[in-house]
Structure formats: C-alpha cells, structure tokens
Amino acid sequence: MLSFVAFALGSKVGRYLVAAVLTAATIALAVARVFKKGQEYERGKDNETKIIQLENAIRANEEVGKLTRVDRLDYLNGWLRNE
C-alpha cells in the first residue's frame, strides 16, 4: 500500500492515474445521482396513478351504493358486459 502511495505521489504516471480514478469516481457519482432522481420521479408517477385509480374506485363504490337493488344489478351487469 505504501509503495502505491509513493508511486502515486512520486511519478507523473501515478499522478495521472490518481487523477483519472478520481475523475471516473466523480462521474460515476453524478450518474448515480441522476439515476436515483429518475427512479424517484417514476415512483412518484406510479403513486399518482395509484391514487387516481383508488379515487375512481371509491367514487364508483359510492355511486353503486346509492343505487336501488334493481338499478345496482343493471349497472353491474352492464359493467360486466363492458357497456
């Protein structure tokens, strides 16, 4: 380990190698951050879609709950036939 430090500090090639490794690490961190932001954005969109679907399901449940028995059967039969 000590010989690598001496190589890195004592030679031009070592300094260039250390600079290249640090540059690659910095770029990798930047790419990882952008990737994580993209994942969070997609997760947010998925959650928004799920909330909208849940609101629609609750609204439909309330509408069906207000119907009389005969109207409810007609509504559900039409829903099953995809009308």
N, C-alpha and C. Protein backbone atom coordinates (compact mmCIF):
# COMPACT_ATOMS: atom_id res chain seq x y z
N MET A 1 0.83 -1.19 0.00
CA MET A 1 0.00 0.00 0.00
C MET A 1 0.88 1.26 0.00
N LEU A 2 1.88 1.23 0.82
CA LEU A 2 2.78 2.37 0.91
C LEU A 2 3.53 2.59 -0.40
N SER A 3 3.84 1.50 -1.08
CA SER A 3 4.54 1.63 -2.36
C SER A 3 3.63 2.27 -3.41
N PHE A 4 2.31 1.98 -3.36
CA PHE A 4 1.39 2.61 -4.30
C PHE A 4 1.29 4.10 -4.04
N VAL A 5 1.23 4.49 -2.76
CA VAL A 5 1.17 5.91 -2.41
C VAL A 5 2.44 6.61 -2.91
N ALA A 6 3.57 5.97 -2.70
CA ALA A 6 4.83 6.55 -3.16
C ALA A 6 4.83 6.66 -4.69
N PHE A 7 4.33 5.64 -5.36
CA PHE A 7 4.23 5.67 -6.83
C PHE A 7 3.31 6.80 -7.27
N ALA A 8 2.14 6.92 -6.60
CA ALA A 8 1.15 7.92 -6.99
C ALA A 8 1.67 9.33 -6.76
N LEU A 9 2.40 9.55 -5.69
CA LEU A 9 2.90 10.89 -5.40
C LEU A 9 4.22 11.20 -6.09
N GLY A 10 4.97 10.17 -6.41
CA GLY A 10 6.32 10.39 -6.89
C GLY A 10 6.51 10.37 -8.38
N SER A 11 5.49 10.00 -9.13
CA SER A 11 5.69 9.93 -10.58
C SER A 11 4.54 10.60 -11.31
N LYS A 12 4.84 11.04 -12.52
CA LYS A 12 3.81 11.66 -13.36
C LYS A 12 2.70 10.68 -13.69
N VAL A 13 3.09 9.46 -14.01
CA VAL A 13 2.10 8.44 -14.37
C VAL A 13 1.19 8.17 -13.18
N GLY A 14 1.76 8.11 -11.99
CA GLY A 14 0.96 7.88 -10.78
C GLY A 14 -0.02 9.01 -10.54
N ARG A 15 0.43 10.23 -10.71
CA ARG A 15 -0.48 11.37 -10.52
C ARG A 15 -1.59 11.36 -11.56
N TYR A 16 -1.26 11.04 -12.81
CA TYR A 16 -2.29 10.95 -13.84
C TYR A 16 -3.27 9.81 -13.54
N LEU A 17 -2.74 8.72 -13.05
CA LEU A 17 -3.60 7.59 -12.69
C LEU A 17 -4.56 7.96 -11.57
N VAL A 18 -4.07 8.62 -10.54
CA VAL A 18 -4.92 9.04 -9.43
C VAL A 18 -5.95 10.05 -9.94
N ALA A 19 -5.55 10.98 -10.77
CA ALA A 19 -6.49 11.96 -11.32
C ALA A 19 -7.56 11.28 -12.15
N ALA A 20 -7.18 10.29 -12.94
CA ALA A 20 -8.16 9.57 -13.76
C ALA A 20 -9.15 8.80 -12.89
N VAL A 21 -8.65 8.17 -11.83
CA VAL A 21 -9.54 7.43 -10.94
C VAL A 21 -10.50 8.38 -10.23
N LEU A 22 -10.01 9.50 -9.75
CA LEU A 22 -10.88 10.48 -9.09
C LEU A 22 -11.91 11.06 -10.05
N THR A 23 -11.51 11.31 -11.29
CA THR A 23 -12.45 11.81 -12.29
C THR A 23 -13.53 10.77 -12.59
N ALA A 24 -13.12 9.52 -12.75
CA ALA A 24 -14.09 8.45 -13.02
C ALA A 24 -15.05 8.28 -11.84
N ALA A 25 -14.54 8.39 -10.63
CA ALA A 25 -15.40 8.26 -9.44
C ALA A 25 -16.40 9.42 -9.37
N THR A 26 -15.96 10.61 -9.70
CA THR A 26 -16.85 11.77 -9.70
C THR A 26 -17.95 11.61 -10.74
N ILE A 27 -17.58 11.16 -11.92
CA ILE A 27 -18.57 10.94 -12.97
C ILE A 27 -19.55 9.84 -12.57
N ALA A 28 -19.05 8.78 -11.96
CA ALA A 28 -19.91 7.68 -11.52
C ALA A 28 -20.90 8.16 -10.47
N LEU A 29 -20.46 9.01 -9.55
CA LEU A 29 -21.37 9.56 -8.54
C LEU A 29 -22.45 10.44 -9.18
N ALA A 30 -22.06 11.24 -10.14
CA ALA A 30 -23.04 12.09 -10.82
C ALA A 30 -24.08 11.26 -11.56
N VAL A 31 -23.63 10.21 -12.25
CA VAL A 31 -24.56 9.33 -12.96
C VAL A 31 -25.48 8.62 -11.97
N ALA A 32 -24.95 8.19 -10.84
CA ALA A 32 -25.77 7.51 -9.83
C ALA A 32 -26.83 8.44 -9.28
N ARG A 33 -26.48 9.70 -9.07
CA ARG A 33 -27.47 10.67 -8.57
C ARG A 33 -28.58 10.90 -9.58
N VAL A 34 -28.22 11.05 -10.84
CA VAL A 34 -29.23 11.25 -11.88
C VAL A 34 -30.13 10.02 -11.98
N PHE A 35 -29.54 8.84 -11.91
CA PHE A 35 -30.32 7.60 -11.97
C PHE A 35 -31.29 7.52 -10.80
N LYS A 36 -30.84 7.88 -9.60
CA LYS A 36 -31.70 7.84 -8.42
C LYS A 36 -32.85 8.84 -8.55
N LYS A 37 -32.56 10.03 -9.08
CA LYS A 37 -33.62 11.02 -9.29
C LYS A 37 -34.66 10.49 -10.27
N GLY A 38 -34.22 9.81 -11.32
CA GLY A 38 -35.15 9.22 -12.27
C GLY A 38 -36.02 8.16 -11.64
N GLN A 39 -35.43 7.34 -10.78
CA GLN A 39 -36.21 6.32 -10.08
C GLN A 39 -37.27 6.97 -9.18
N GLU A 40 -36.88 8.02 -8.46
CA GLU A 40 -37.83 8.70 -7.58
C GLU A 40 -38.96 9.34 -8.38
N TYR A 41 -38.63 9.89 -9.54
CA TYR A 41 -39.65 10.50 -10.39
C TYR A 41 -40.65 9.45 -10.87
N GLU A 42 -40.14 8.31 -11.32
CA GLU A 42 -41.02 7.23 -11.79
C GLU A 42 -41.88 6.69 -10.66
N ARG A 43 -41.31 6.55 -9.47
CA ARG A 43 -42.07 6.08 -8.32
C ARG A 43 -43.19 7.06 -7.99
N GLY A 44 -42.90 8.35 -8.10
CA GLY A 44 -43.92 9.37 -7.86
C GLY A 44 -45.05 9.29 -8.87
N LYS A 45 -44.70 9.08 -10.14
CA LYS A 45 -45.74 8.94 -11.17
C LYS A 45 -46.60 7.71 -10.90
N ASP A 46 -45.97 6.60 -10.51
CA ASP A 46 -46.72 5.38 -10.21
C ASP A 46 -47.66 5.61 -9.04
N ASN A 47 -47.19 6.29 -8.00
CA ASN A 47 -48.03 6.57 -6.84
C ASN A 47 -49.20 7.47 -7.22
N GLU A 48 -48.95 8.45 -8.08
CA GLU A 48 -50.02 9.34 -8.53
C GLU A 48 -51.09 8.55 -9.29
N THR A 49 -50.66 7.63 -10.13
CA THR A 49 -51.60 6.80 -10.88
C THR A 49 -52.42 5.92 -9.94
N LYS A 50 -51.76 5.35 -8.95
CA LYS A 50 -52.48 4.51 -7.98
C LYS A 50 -53.50 5.32 -7.19
N ILE A 51 -53.16 6.54 -6.84
CA ILE A 51 -54.10 7.39 -6.10
C ILE A 51 -55.32 7.71 -6.95
N ILE A 52 -55.10 8.02 -8.23
CA ILE A 52 -56.22 8.32 -9.13
C ILE A 52 -57.11 7.09 -9.28
N GLN A 53 -56.51 5.92 -9.43
CA GLN A 53 -57.29 4.69 -9.55
C GLN A 53 -58.09 4.43 -8.28
N LEU A 54 -57.49 4.68 -7.13
CA LEU A 54 -58.19 4.48 -5.86
C LEU A 54 -59.35 5.46 -5.73
N GLU A 55 -59.13 6.72 -6.11
CA GLU A 55 -60.22 7.70 -6.07
C GLU A 55 -61.37 7.28 -6.97
N ASN A 56 -61.05 6.79 -8.16
CA ASN A 56 -62.10 6.33 -9.09
C ASN A 56 -62.85 5.14 -8.51
N ALA A 57 -62.13 4.23 -7.87
CA ALA A 57 -62.79 3.06 -7.27
C ALA A 57 -63.71 3.48 -6.13
N ILE A 58 -63.28 4.40 -5.31
CA ILE A 58 -64.11 4.88 -4.21
C ILE A 58 -65.35 5.58 -4.75
N ARG A 59 -65.16 6.42 -5.78
CA ARG A 59 -66.29 7.13 -6.37
C ARG A 59 -67.31 6.13 -6.96
N ALA A 60 -66.81 5.12 -7.66
CA ALA A 60 -67.71 4.11 -8.25
C ALA A 60 -68.42 3.33 -7.16
N ASN A 61 -67.72 3.02 -6.08
CA ASN A 61 -68.33 2.30 -4.97
C ASN A 61 -69.45 3.12 -4.33
N GLU A 62 -69.21 4.42 -4.18
CA GLU A 62 -70.25 5.29 -3.61
C GLU A 62 -71.45 5.40 -4.54
N GLU A 63 -71.19 5.48 -5.84
CA GLU A 63 -72.30 5.57 -6.81
C GLU A 63 -73.14 4.30 -6.77
N VAL A 64 -72.49 3.16 -6.75
CA VAL A 64 -73.21 1.88 -6.72
C VAL A 64 -73.95 1.74 -5.40
N GLY A 65 -73.37 2.21 -4.32
CA GLY A 65 -74.02 2.11 -3.01
C GLY A 65 -75.30 2.91 -2.91
N LYS A 66 -75.42 3.98 -3.71
CA LYS A 66 -76.61 4.83 -3.67
C LYS A 66 -77.75 4.29 -4.53
N LEU A 67 -77.47 3.31 -5.38
CA LEU A 67 -78.49 2.78 -6.28
C LEU A 67 -79.42 1.81 -5.56
N THR A 68 -80.63 1.67 -6.12
CA THR A 68 -81.53 0.65 -5.60
C THR A 68 -81.02 -0.72 -6.04
N ARG A 69 -81.62 -1.77 -5.49
CA ARG A 69 -81.13 -3.11 -5.79
C ARG A 69 -81.25 -3.43 -7.29
N VAL A 70 -82.38 -3.09 -7.90
CA VAL A 70 -82.60 -3.38 -9.32
C VAL A 70 -81.62 -2.56 -10.18
N ASP A 71 -81.48 -1.27 -9.85
CA ASP A 71 -80.55 -0.43 -10.60
C ASP A 71 -79.11 -0.92 -10.44
N ARG A 72 -78.78 -1.38 -9.24
CA ARG A 72 -77.43 -1.89 -8.98
C ARG A 72 -77.16 -3.13 -9.84
N LEU A 73 -78.12 -4.04 -9.92
CA LEU A 73 -77.95 -5.22 -10.76
C LEU A 73 -77.78 -4.85 -12.23
N ASP A 74 -78.59 -3.89 -12.71
CA ASP A 74 -78.45 -3.44 -14.09
C ASP A 74 -77.08 -2.80 -14.32
N TYR A 75 -76.64 -1.98 -13.38
CA TYR A 75 -75.34 -1.31 -13.50
C TYR A 75 -74.21 -2.33 -13.54
N LEU A 76 -74.25 -3.29 -12.65
CA LEU A 76 -73.18 -4.29 -12.59
C LEU A 76 -73.22 -5.21 -13.79
N ASN A 77 -74.40 -5.56 -14.26
CA ASN A 77 -74.48 -6.40 -15.47
C ASN A 77 -73.93 -5.63 -16.68
N GLY A 78 -74.23 -4.34 -16.77
CA GLY A 78 -73.67 -3.54 -17.85
C GLY A 78 -72.15 -3.42 -17.73
N TRP A 79 -71.65 -3.34 -16.50
CA TRP A 79 -70.21 -3.25 -16.28
C TRP A 79 -69.53 -4.56 -16.70
N LEU A 80 -70.18 -5.67 -16.40
CA LEU A 80 -69.61 -6.97 -16.78
C LEU A 80 -69.58 -7.12 -18.31
N ARG A 81 -70.59 -6.56 -18.97
CA ARG A 81 -70.63 -6.64 -20.44
C ARG A 81 -69.79 -5.54 -21.07
N ASN A 82 -69.20 -4.68 -20.23
CA ASN A 82 -68.33 -3.60 -20.68
C ASN A 82 -69.09 -2.59 -21.53
N GLU A 83 -70.25 -2.19 -21.04
CA GLU A 83 -71.08 -1.19 -21.75
C GLU A 83 -70.81 0.18 -21.23
